[in-house]
Amino acid sequence: MYIARWHLTARFGHKDETLKLLQKWEIDVAHRIGWRPGSLRIVAGSIGAGDTDIEMEVKIDSFTDLEAAWTDMGRVPYQAEYQKKLSDLIVAGSSRWSVHRIVESDADGN
């Protein structure tokens, strides 16, 4: 299992507006491509991170699942509208994806 994180930086003074737009995107786009509320979360910078740093992360089973979701995303009619709105709210060039493998805890030592 993996966590795919979309990192972006909101323009100064636009963090709350960016977060609200991402929450709407979750309903209109993410749910349509199979990303459910339990597998998706949005986090914002607080201590030790920039105040305008935002990450959206989703749990995925495989890279194939992520690629399929990205392909499906392009087919959702609302996606282009959200891209345009987000481009006005985020710092150009700040958007990037990272993928992390989840390492399960072996508390029993087995």
Protein backbone atom coordinates (compact mmCIF):
# COMPACT_ATOMS: atom_id res chain seq x y z
CA MET A 1 0.00 0.00 0.00
CA TYR A 2 1.15 3.54 -0.75
CA ILE A 3 0.38 7.15 0.07
CA ALA A 4 0.38 9.52 -2.90
CA ARG A 5 0.80 13.14 -1.81
CA TRP A 6 0.08 16.19 -3.88
CA HIS A 7 2.11 19.09 -2.52
CA LEU A 8 1.27 22.68 -3.37
CA THR A 9 1.77 26.17 -1.99
CA ALA A 10 -1.13 28.59 -1.74
CA ARG A 11 -0.50 32.17 -2.73
CA PHE A 12 -0.19 34.50 0.25
CA GLY A 13 -3.65 35.35 1.57
CA HIS A 14 -5.35 32.54 -0.39
CA LYS A 15 -4.85 29.50 1.87
CA ASP A 16 -8.42 29.33 3.18
CA GLU A 17 -9.87 29.79 -0.30
CA THR A 18 -7.54 27.06 -1.64
CA LEU A 19 -8.55 24.65 1.13
CA LYS A 20 -12.26 25.25 0.48
CA LEU A 21 -11.77 24.66 -3.24
CA LEU A 22 -9.88 21.41 -2.58
CA GLN A 23 -12.70 20.24 -0.31
CA LYS A 24 -15.19 20.84 -3.14
CA TRP A 25 -12.81 19.11 -5.58
CA GLU A 26 -12.85 16.08 -3.30
CA ILE A 27 -16.62 15.77 -3.73
CA ASP A 28 -16.87 16.66 -7.42
CA VAL A 29 -13.78 14.87 -8.76
CA ALA A 30 -12.02 12.62 -6.22
CA HIS A 31 -15.11 10.63 -5.32
CA ARG A 32 -15.90 10.10 -9.02
CA ILE A 33 -12.49 8.48 -9.59
CA GLY A 34 -12.84 6.16 -6.61
CA TRP A 35 -10.98 8.12 -3.92
CA ARG A 36 -13.23 7.78 -0.88
CA PRO A 37 -13.26 9.97 2.26
CA GLY A 38 -11.52 7.29 4.33
CA SER A 39 -8.62 7.12 1.89
CA LEU A 40 -8.18 10.85 1.27
CA ARG A 41 -7.19 13.77 3.48
CA ILE A 42 -6.06 17.35 3.15
CA VAL A 43 -3.45 18.81 5.50
CA ALA A 44 -2.11 22.34 5.84
CA GLY A 45 1.18 23.61 7.22
CA SER A 46 1.28 24.56 10.87
CA ILE A 47 4.43 24.16 12.97
CA GLY A 48 7.69 23.44 11.15
CA ALA A 49 6.03 23.80 7.76
CA GLY A 50 5.14 26.85 5.75
CA ASP A 51 1.80 28.41 6.63
CA THR A 52 0.76 28.20 2.98
CA ASP A 53 1.96 24.60 2.43
CA ILE A 54 -0.92 22.28 1.57
CA GLU A 55 -0.88 18.54 0.90
CA MET A 56 -3.63 16.26 -0.29
CA GLU A 57 -2.88 12.60 0.27
CA VAL A 58 -4.62 9.45 -0.84
CA LYS A 59 -4.03 5.80 0.04
CA ILE A 60 -3.55 3.62 -3.01
CA ASP A 61 -2.89 -0.06 -3.49
CA SER A 62 -0.52 0.27 -6.44
CA PHE A 63 1.07 2.62 -8.93
CA THR A 64 -1.35 1.23 -11.51
CA ASP A 65 -4.26 2.44 -9.37
CA LEU A 66 -2.74 5.92 -9.20
CA GLU A 67 -2.17 6.07 -12.95
CA ALA A 68 -5.74 4.89 -13.58
CA ALA A 69 -7.08 7.57 -11.22
CA TRP A 70 -5.08 10.27 -13.02
CA THR A 71 -6.47 9.03 -16.36
CA ASP A 72 -10.02 8.98 -14.99
CA MET A 73 -9.52 12.46 -13.56
CA GLY A 74 -9.13 13.85 -17.06
CA ARG A 75 -12.52 12.41 -17.99
CA VAL A 76 -14.40 14.14 -15.15
CA PRO A 77 -16.06 17.22 -16.63
CA TYR A 78 -15.35 19.38 -13.57
CA GLN A 79 -11.60 18.75 -13.52
CA ALA A 80 -10.65 21.45 -16.07
CA GLU A 81 -12.70 24.03 -14.17
CA TYR A 82 -10.95 23.16 -10.90
CA GLN A 83 -7.55 23.32 -12.56
CA LYS A 84 -8.28 26.85 -13.77
CA LYS A 85 -9.53 27.99 -10.36
CA LEU A 86 -6.56 26.43 -8.57
CA SER A 87 -4.09 28.06 -10.96
CA ASP A 88 -5.26 31.43 -9.65
CA LEU A 89 -4.76 30.37 -6.01
CA ILE A 90 -1.46 28.48 -5.91
CA VAL A 91 2.13 29.51 -6.47
CA ALA A 92 3.15 28.64 -10.03
CA GLY A 93 5.56 25.70 -10.11
CA SER A 94 4.88 24.63 -6.52
CA SER A 95 2.71 21.64 -7.40
CA ARG A 96 4.34 18.20 -7.24
CA TRP A 97 3.48 14.60 -6.39
CA SER A 98 5.40 12.22 -4.16
CA VAL A 99 4.59 8.59 -3.45
CA HIS A 100 5.52 6.82 -0.21
CA ARG A 101 5.30 3.13 0.61
CA ILE A 102 3.44 2.35 3.83
CA VAL A 103 5.56 0.22 6.15
CA GLU A 104 3.32 -1.80 8.43
CA SER A 105 4.28 -1.90 12.09
CA ASP A 106 5.62 -5.16 13.38
CA ALA A 107 5.01 -4.47 17.06
CA ASP A 108 5.16 -8.19 17.90
CA GLY A 109 8.65 -8.50 16.43
CA ASN A 110 7.58 -11.27 14.05
